[in-house]
Amino acid sequence: IWKRYGIGNAGGGRFLVGRDGKILAVNPDAAQVEAILGDWL
């Protein structure tokens, strides 16, 4: 999963995962999280 999303050599990463287990965003900032959650709510 790390290499797939371009963070293979990173110390970690943040993933926003939907209810169905699909990765919605990788290392999202606050604005991206708000936009994605706004679509879901």
N, C-alpha and C. Protein backbone atom coordinates (compact mmCIF):
# COMPACT_ATOMS: atom_id res chain seq x y z
N ILE A 1 0.83 -1.19 0.00
CA ILE A 1 0.00 0.00 0.00
C ILE A 1 0.87 1.25 0.00
N TRP A 2 2.01 1.21 0.68
CA TRP A 2 2.85 2.40 0.77
C TRP A 2 3.41 2.78 -0.60
N LYS A 3 3.94 1.82 -1.32
CA LYS A 3 4.51 2.12 -2.65
C LYS A 3 3.44 2.52 -3.64
N ARG A 4 2.26 1.93 -3.51
CA ARG A 4 1.16 2.25 -4.43
C ARG A 4 0.79 3.73 -4.38
N TYR A 5 0.86 4.31 -3.18
CA TYR A 5 0.46 5.70 -3.02
C TYR A 5 1.64 6.67 -2.91
N GLY A 6 2.83 6.19 -3.32
CA GLY A 6 3.98 7.07 -3.42
C GLY A 6 4.62 7.47 -2.11
N ILE A 7 4.42 6.70 -1.07
CA ILE A 7 5.02 7.03 0.22
C ILE A 7 5.84 5.85 0.75
N GLY A 8 6.49 5.14 -0.17
CA GLY A 8 7.25 3.94 0.18
C GLY A 8 8.38 4.19 1.15
N ASN A 9 9.02 5.34 1.08
CA ASN A 9 10.14 5.64 1.97
C ASN A 9 9.76 6.61 3.08
N ALA A 10 8.49 6.87 3.24
CA ALA A 10 8.03 7.80 4.27
C ALA A 10 7.99 7.11 5.63
N GLY A 11 8.01 7.92 6.67
CA GLY A 11 7.91 7.39 8.03
C GLY A 11 6.49 7.04 8.40
N GLY A 12 5.54 7.42 7.58
CA GLY A 12 4.14 7.14 7.86
C GLY A 12 3.27 7.92 6.88
N GLY A 13 1.99 7.76 7.04
CA GLY A 13 1.05 8.46 6.17
C GLY A 13 -0.32 8.47 6.80
N ARG A 14 -1.17 9.36 6.32
CA ARG A 14 -2.55 9.43 6.80
C ARG A 14 -3.45 9.07 5.63
N PHE A 15 -4.41 8.22 5.92
CA PHE A 15 -5.36 7.78 4.90
C PHE A 15 -6.77 8.07 5.39
N LEU A 16 -7.57 8.66 4.54
CA LEU A 16 -8.99 8.83 4.83
C LEU A 16 -9.70 7.69 4.12
N VAL A 17 -10.35 6.84 4.91
CA VAL A 17 -10.96 5.62 4.38
C VAL A 17 -12.47 5.70 4.54
N GLY A 18 -13.19 5.38 3.47
CA GLY A 18 -14.64 5.40 3.49
C GLY A 18 -15.22 4.18 4.18
N ARG A 19 -16.51 4.19 4.36
CA ARG A 19 -17.21 3.09 5.03
C ARG A 19 -17.01 1.75 4.34
N ASP A 20 -16.84 1.78 3.04
CA ASP A 20 -16.68 0.55 2.27
C ASP A 20 -15.23 0.07 2.20
N GLY A 21 -14.32 0.79 2.86
CA GLY A 21 -12.92 0.41 2.88
C GLY A 21 -12.09 1.02 1.76
N LYS A 22 -12.73 1.81 0.91
CA LYS A 22 -12.02 2.47 -0.19
C LYS A 22 -11.23 3.66 0.35
N ILE A 23 -9.99 3.81 -0.11
CA ILE A 23 -9.17 4.94 0.30
C ILE A 23 -9.64 6.17 -0.47
N LEU A 24 -10.07 7.18 0.27
CA LEU A 24 -10.62 8.40 -0.34
C LEU A 24 -9.55 9.47 -0.54
N ALA A 25 -8.54 9.50 0.34
CA ALA A 25 -7.48 10.50 0.23
C ALA A 25 -6.24 10.00 0.96
N VAL A 26 -5.09 10.42 0.45
CA VAL A 26 -3.81 10.09 1.07
C VAL A 26 -3.18 11.40 1.54
N ASN A 27 -2.85 11.46 2.82
CA ASN A 27 -2.27 12.66 3.44
C ASN A 27 -3.10 13.91 3.16
N PRO A 28 -4.41 13.85 3.40
CA PRO A 28 -5.26 15.01 3.11
C PRO A 28 -5.03 16.13 4.12
N ASP A 29 -5.21 17.37 3.67
CA ASP A 29 -5.18 18.48 4.62
C ASP A 29 -6.61 18.72 5.09
N ALA A 30 -6.78 19.67 6.00
CA ALA A 30 -8.09 19.90 6.60
C ALA A 30 -9.15 20.27 5.56
N ALA A 31 -8.78 21.08 4.58
CA ALA A 31 -9.74 21.49 3.55
C ALA A 31 -10.22 20.30 2.73
N GLN A 32 -9.31 19.38 2.41
CA GLN A 32 -9.70 18.19 1.65
C GLN A 32 -10.63 17.30 2.46
N VAL A 33 -10.33 17.14 3.75
CA VAL A 33 -11.18 16.32 4.60
C VAL A 33 -12.57 16.93 4.70
N GLU A 34 -12.65 18.24 4.90
CA GLU A 34 -13.95 18.91 4.98
C GLU A 34 -14.73 18.74 3.68
N ALA A 35 -14.06 18.87 2.54
CA ALA A 35 -14.74 18.72 1.25
C ALA A 35 -15.28 17.31 1.07
N ILE A 36 -14.48 16.32 1.41
CA ILE A 36 -14.90 14.93 1.25
C ILE A 36 -16.04 14.60 2.21
N LEU A 37 -15.91 15.02 3.45
CA LEU A 37 -16.97 14.75 4.42
C LEU A 37 -18.25 15.51 4.08
N GLY A 38 -18.10 16.70 3.51
CA GLY A 38 -19.27 17.47 3.09
C GLY A 38 -20.07 16.73 2.04
N ASP A 39 -19.39 16.01 1.16
CA ASP A 39 -20.08 15.22 0.14
C ASP A 39 -20.80 14.03 0.76
N TRP A 40 -20.24 13.48 1.84
CA TRP A 40 -20.80 12.28 2.47
C TRP A 40 -21.97 12.61 3.40
N LEU A 41 -21.94 13.80 4.00
CA LEU A 41 -22.97 14.13 5.01
C LEU A 41 -24.16 14.84 4.40
